C-alpha cells in the first residue's frame, strides 16, 4: 500500500511541476522564436505527426522526390494518419484493434 501512495504522490508532484513550468517554457520558446526571427531564420518549427494528428488551418509541405509544395487544411480540418504495409504488401492506415471493440 505504501508503494501505491508513494507512486501517487510522485505522479502528482510531477504533474504540479510540469504545470508550474509550462508558462516559463512557453516564454522561453517565444523568446527563442523571436531571436530566430531577428536572425532571419524564420519562426516555424516542425510539428511531429508520427502518431497522427489534425491540421486545422492551411499549411504547405514539400512533395517528396518530385519537388513542389502541397497544401493541406485549406478546406477545413484534415487528418494526418500513419501508414503501414500489410503482410500482403499493400499500404494502408495503421490501426490497433482493442479487445472487445467492434470493427
N, C-alpha and C. Protein backbone atom coordinates (compact mmCIF):
# COMPACT_ATOMS: atom_id res chain seq x y z
N UNK A 1 0.82 -1.19 0.00
CA UNK A 1 0.00 0.00 0.00
C UNK A 1 0.87 1.26 0.00
N UNK A 2 1.97 1.23 0.73
CA UNK A 2 2.83 2.42 0.79
C UNK A 2 3.45 2.73 -0.57
N UNK A 3 3.73 1.68 -1.36
CA UNK A 3 4.27 1.91 -2.70
C UNK A 3 3.26 2.61 -3.59
N UNK A 4 1.99 2.27 -3.45
CA UNK A 4 0.93 2.91 -4.25
C UNK A 4 0.81 4.38 -3.88
N UNK A 5 0.81 4.67 -2.57
CA UNK A 5 0.70 6.05 -2.10
C UNK A 5 1.93 6.85 -2.54
N UNK A 6 3.10 6.25 -2.44
CA UNK A 6 4.34 6.91 -2.85
C UNK A 6 4.30 7.21 -4.35
N UNK A 7 3.86 6.23 -5.15
CA UNK A 7 3.76 6.42 -6.59
C UNK A 7 2.76 7.52 -6.95
N UNK A 8 1.62 7.53 -6.26
CA UNK A 8 0.61 8.57 -6.48
C UNK A 8 1.15 9.95 -6.13
N UNK A 9 1.85 10.06 -5.01
CA UNK A 9 2.42 11.34 -4.59
C UNK A 9 3.47 11.81 -5.61
N UNK A 10 4.29 10.90 -6.11
CA UNK A 10 5.31 11.26 -7.10
C UNK A 10 4.65 11.73 -8.39
N UNK A 11 3.61 11.03 -8.82
CA UNK A 11 2.90 11.42 -10.03
C UNK A 11 2.27 12.79 -9.89
N UNK A 12 1.63 13.05 -8.76
CA UNK A 12 1.01 14.36 -8.52
C UNK A 12 2.05 15.47 -8.48
N UNK A 13 3.19 15.21 -7.86
CA UNK A 13 4.23 16.24 -7.78
C UNK A 13 4.82 16.51 -9.17
N UNK A 14 4.96 15.47 -10.00
CA UNK A 14 5.46 15.68 -11.36
C UNK A 14 4.47 16.50 -12.18
N UNK A 15 3.16 16.20 -12.05
CA UNK A 15 2.14 16.97 -12.76
C UNK A 15 2.13 18.43 -12.32
N UNK A 16 2.28 18.65 -11.01
CA UNK A 16 2.29 20.01 -10.47
C UNK A 16 3.50 20.78 -10.99
N UNK A 17 4.66 20.13 -11.00
CA UNK A 17 5.87 20.78 -11.50
C UNK A 17 5.74 21.10 -12.99
N UNK A 18 5.19 20.17 -13.77
CA UNK A 18 5.01 20.42 -15.21
C UNK A 18 4.07 21.59 -15.44
N UNK A 19 2.98 21.66 -14.67
CA UNK A 19 2.04 22.78 -14.81
C UNK A 19 2.69 24.10 -14.41
N UNK A 20 3.52 24.07 -13.38
CA UNK A 20 4.18 25.30 -12.93
C UNK A 20 5.22 25.79 -13.94
N UNK A 21 5.89 24.86 -14.61
CA UNK A 21 6.94 25.25 -15.56
C UNK A 21 6.41 25.55 -16.97
N UNK A 22 5.17 25.19 -17.26
CA UNK A 22 4.63 25.41 -18.60
C UNK A 22 4.70 26.87 -19.05
N UNK A 23 4.29 27.84 -18.22
CA UNK A 23 4.40 29.24 -18.67
C UNK A 23 5.85 29.67 -18.94
N UNK A 24 6.76 29.19 -18.11
CA UNK A 24 8.17 29.51 -18.29
C UNK A 24 8.68 28.91 -19.60
N UNK A 25 8.28 27.69 -19.87
CA UNK A 25 8.67 27.02 -21.11
C UNK A 25 8.14 27.77 -22.33
N UNK A 26 6.88 28.21 -22.27
CA UNK A 26 6.29 28.96 -23.38
C UNK A 26 7.02 30.28 -23.58
N UNK A 27 7.32 30.96 -22.49
CA UNK A 27 8.04 32.23 -22.57
C UNK A 27 9.41 32.03 -23.21
N UNK A 28 10.12 30.98 -22.79
CA UNK A 28 11.43 30.69 -23.36
C UNK A 28 11.30 30.37 -24.85
N UNK A 29 10.29 29.57 -25.22
CA UNK A 29 10.08 29.23 -26.63
C UNK A 29 9.77 30.46 -27.47
N UNK A 30 8.92 31.36 -26.93
CA UNK A 30 8.59 32.59 -27.65
C UNK A 30 9.83 33.47 -27.82
N UNK A 31 10.66 33.54 -26.78
CA UNK A 31 11.88 34.35 -26.86
C UNK A 31 12.84 33.77 -27.90
N UNK A 32 12.96 32.44 -27.91
CA UNK A 32 13.83 31.79 -28.89
C UNK A 32 13.32 32.04 -30.31
N UNK A 33 12.01 31.94 -30.51
CA UNK A 33 11.42 32.21 -31.83
C UNK A 33 11.70 33.65 -32.25
N UNK A 34 11.62 34.59 -31.29
CA UNK A 34 11.92 35.98 -31.59
C UNK A 34 13.36 36.18 -32.01
N UNK A 35 14.28 35.48 -31.33
CA UNK A 35 15.69 35.57 -31.69
C UNK A 35 15.94 35.02 -33.10
N UNK A 36 15.31 33.90 -33.41
CA UNK A 36 15.49 33.30 -34.73
C UNK A 36 14.91 34.19 -35.82
N UNK A 37 13.76 34.81 -35.53
CA UNK A 37 13.16 35.72 -36.50
C UNK A 37 14.09 36.91 -36.74
N UNK A 38 14.64 37.46 -35.66
CA UNK A 38 15.57 38.58 -35.78
C UNK A 38 16.81 38.21 -36.56
N UNK A 39 17.20 36.94 -36.48
CA UNK A 39 18.39 36.48 -37.20
C UNK A 39 18.06 36.07 -38.63
N UNK A 40 16.78 36.21 -39.01
CA UNK A 40 16.37 35.85 -40.37
C UNK A 40 16.22 34.35 -40.59
N UNK A 41 16.05 33.59 -39.49
CA UNK A 41 15.95 32.14 -39.62
C UNK A 41 14.51 31.65 -39.65
N UNK A 42 13.53 32.53 -39.58
CA UNK A 42 12.13 32.12 -39.65
C UNK A 42 11.55 31.83 -38.29
N UNK A 43 10.25 31.56 -38.25
CA UNK A 43 9.57 31.31 -36.98
C UNK A 43 8.89 29.96 -36.93
N UNK A 44 8.90 29.21 -38.01
CA UNK A 44 8.17 27.95 -37.98
C UNK A 44 9.09 26.80 -37.60
N UNK A 45 8.59 25.95 -36.73
CA UNK A 45 9.32 24.77 -36.31
C UNK A 45 8.52 23.55 -36.76
N UNK A 46 9.17 22.45 -37.05
CA UNK A 46 8.44 21.26 -37.48
C UNK A 46 7.48 20.78 -36.39
N UNK A 47 6.32 20.31 -36.82
CA UNK A 47 5.34 19.74 -35.91
C UNK A 47 5.30 18.24 -36.18
N UNK A 48 5.59 17.40 -35.18
CA UNK A 48 5.59 15.96 -35.43
C UNK A 48 4.19 15.39 -35.58
N UNK A 49 4.01 14.52 -36.56
CA UNK A 49 2.73 13.83 -36.77
C UNK A 49 2.96 12.33 -36.85
N UNK A 50 4.01 11.81 -36.19
CA UNK A 50 4.33 10.39 -36.27
C UNK A 50 3.20 9.52 -35.74
N UNK A 51 2.42 10.04 -34.81
CA UNK A 51 1.30 9.28 -34.27
C UNK A 51 -0.03 9.78 -34.81
N UNK A 52 0.01 10.60 -35.85
CA UNK A 52 -1.20 11.15 -36.43
C UNK A 52 -1.50 12.52 -35.86
N UNK A 53 -2.55 13.14 -36.37
CA UNK A 53 -2.93 14.46 -35.89
C UNK A 53 -3.94 15.08 -36.82
N UNK A 54 -4.32 16.30 -36.52
CA UNK A 54 -5.30 17.03 -37.32
C UNK A 54 -4.71 18.39 -37.68
N UNK A 55 -4.81 18.75 -38.95
CA UNK A 55 -4.39 20.07 -39.43
C UNK A 55 -5.66 20.91 -39.49
N UNK A 56 -5.68 22.03 -38.77
CA UNK A 56 -6.90 22.84 -38.68
C UNK A 56 -6.84 24.14 -39.47
N UNK A 57 -5.67 24.45 -40.02
CA UNK A 57 -5.56 25.66 -40.84
C UNK A 57 -4.60 25.37 -41.99
N UNK A 58 -4.64 26.17 -43.04
CA UNK A 58 -3.79 25.88 -44.21
C UNK A 58 -2.31 25.79 -43.85
N UNK A 59 -1.65 24.79 -44.42
CA UNK A 59 -0.22 24.60 -44.21
C UNK A 59 0.37 24.00 -45.49
N UNK A 60 1.55 24.47 -45.86
CA UNK A 60 2.23 23.91 -47.04
C UNK A 60 3.28 22.92 -46.58
N UNK A 61 3.63 21.99 -47.47
CA UNK A 61 4.63 20.97 -47.15
C UNK A 61 5.32 20.54 -48.44
N UNK A 62 6.56 20.04 -48.33
CA UNK A 62 7.28 19.58 -49.52
C UNK A 62 6.67 18.29 -50.07
N UNK A 63 6.69 18.13 -51.38
CA UNK A 63 6.12 16.95 -52.02
C UNK A 63 7.19 15.93 -52.42
N UNK A 64 7.96 15.48 -51.51
CA UNK A 64 8.90 14.38 -51.73
C UNK A 64 9.87 14.58 -52.86
N UNK A 65 10.14 13.48 -53.57
CA UNK A 65 11.19 13.45 -54.59
C UNK A 65 10.89 14.31 -55.80
N UNK A 66 9.62 14.47 -56.16
CA UNK A 66 9.27 15.23 -57.35
C UNK A 66 9.40 16.73 -57.18
N UNK A 67 9.57 17.19 -55.97
CA UNK A 67 9.66 18.62 -55.70
C UNK A 67 8.28 19.24 -55.63
N UNK A 68 8.23 20.53 -55.54
CA UNK A 68 6.97 21.24 -55.43
C UNK A 68 6.49 21.31 -53.98
N UNK A 69 5.33 21.92 -53.81
CA UNK A 69 4.76 22.09 -52.47
C UNK A 69 3.30 21.63 -52.50
N UNK A 70 2.87 21.04 -51.40
CA UNK A 70 1.48 20.65 -51.24
C UNK A 70 0.80 21.60 -50.27
N UNK A 71 -0.54 21.59 -50.26
CA UNK A 71 -1.31 22.44 -49.37
C UNK A 71 -2.37 21.57 -48.69
N UNK A 72 -2.39 21.58 -47.36
CA UNK A 72 -3.38 20.80 -46.60
C UNK A 72 -4.10 21.73 -45.63
N UNK A 73 -5.31 21.37 -45.29
CA UNK A 73 -6.08 22.14 -44.32
C UNK A 73 -6.77 23.36 -44.89
N UNK A 74 -6.71 23.56 -46.20
CA UNK A 74 -7.29 24.77 -46.78
C UNK A 74 -8.81 24.73 -46.82
N UNK A 75 -9.40 23.52 -46.75
CA UNK A 75 -10.86 23.39 -46.81
C UNK A 75 -11.43 22.96 -45.46
N UNK A 76 -10.67 23.17 -44.40
CA UNK A 76 -11.11 22.76 -43.07
C UNK A 76 -10.20 21.68 -42.50
N UNK A 77 -10.56 21.12 -41.36
CA UNK A 77 -9.70 20.13 -40.70
C UNK A 77 -9.41 18.92 -41.59
N UNK A 78 -8.16 18.49 -41.59
CA UNK A 78 -7.74 17.30 -42.34
C UNK A 78 -6.88 16.44 -41.41
N UNK A 79 -7.02 15.12 -41.56
CA UNK A 79 -6.30 14.18 -40.70
C UNK A 79 -4.95 13.81 -41.31
N UNK A 80 -3.98 13.58 -40.44
CA UNK A 80 -2.69 13.01 -40.81
C UNK A 80 -2.66 11.64 -40.14
N UNK A 81 -2.54 10.59 -40.95
CA UNK A 81 -2.60 9.22 -40.43
C UNK A 81 -1.34 8.45 -40.77
N UNK A 82 -0.77 7.73 -39.79
CA UNK A 82 0.41 6.89 -40.08
C UNK A 82 0.00 5.73 -40.99
N UNK A 83 0.82 5.40 -41.97
CA UNK A 83 0.57 4.29 -42.88
C UNK A 83 1.50 3.14 -42.56
N UNK A 84 1.07 1.95 -42.91
CA UNK A 84 1.90 0.76 -42.71
C UNK A 84 1.62 -0.24 -43.83
N UNK A 85 2.60 -1.06 -44.15
CA UNK A 85 2.42 -2.12 -45.15
C UNK A 85 1.92 -3.37 -44.45
N UNK A 86 0.88 -3.97 -45.02
CA UNK A 86 0.36 -5.22 -44.50
C UNK A 86 1.22 -6.38 -44.95
N UNK A 87 0.90 -7.56 -44.46
CA UNK A 87 1.64 -8.77 -44.83
C UNK A 87 1.57 -9.01 -46.34
N UNK A 88 0.50 -8.54 -46.99
CA UNK A 88 0.35 -8.71 -48.44
C UNK A 88 1.07 -7.62 -49.25
N UNK A 89 1.73 -6.67 -48.55
CA UNK A 89 2.48 -5.61 -49.22
C UNK A 89 1.69 -4.36 -49.52
N UNK A 90 0.36 -4.39 -49.27
CA UNK A 90 -0.45 -3.21 -49.55
C UNK A 90 -0.25 -2.16 -48.47
N UNK A 91 -0.32 -0.90 -48.87
CA UNK A 91 -0.14 0.22 -47.96
C UNK A 91 -1.51 0.70 -47.49
N UNK A 92 -1.65 0.92 -46.17
CA UNK A 92 -2.92 1.38 -45.64
C UNK A 92 -2.76 2.05 -44.30
N UNK A 93 -3.88 2.49 -43.73
CA UNK A 93 -3.87 3.15 -42.43
C UNK A 93 -3.57 2.14 -41.35
N UNK A 94 -2.64 2.48 -40.49
CA UNK A 94 -2.26 1.60 -39.39
C UNK A 94 -3.27 1.76 -38.26
N UNK A 95 -3.85 0.65 -37.83
CA UNK A 95 -4.80 0.69 -36.72
C UNK A 95 -4.38 -0.32 -35.66
N UNK A 96 -4.86 -0.11 -34.47
CA UNK A 96 -4.64 -1.07 -33.39
C UNK A 96 -5.98 -1.52 -32.88
N UNK A 97 -6.26 -2.79 -33.01
CA UNK A 97 -7.53 -3.34 -32.53
C UNK A 97 -7.51 -3.40 -31.02
N UNK A 98 -8.62 -3.04 -30.42
CA UNK A 98 -8.77 -3.15 -28.96
C UNK A 98 -9.61 -4.37 -28.67
N UNK A 99 -9.26 -5.12 -27.65
CA UNK A 99 -10.08 -6.29 -27.30
C UNK A 99 -11.53 -5.86 -27.04
N UNK A 100 -12.47 -6.53 -27.66
CA UNK A 100 -13.88 -6.25 -27.45
C UNK A 100 -14.43 -5.11 -28.29
N UNK A 101 -13.58 -4.46 -29.10
CA UNK A 101 -14.04 -3.34 -29.93
C UNK A 101 -14.68 -3.89 -31.19
N UNK A 102 -15.71 -3.22 -31.66
CA UNK A 102 -16.37 -3.62 -32.90
C UNK A 102 -15.59 -3.05 -34.07
N UNK A 103 -15.36 -3.85 -35.06
CA UNK A 103 -14.63 -3.38 -36.24
C UNK A 103 -15.56 -3.31 -37.42
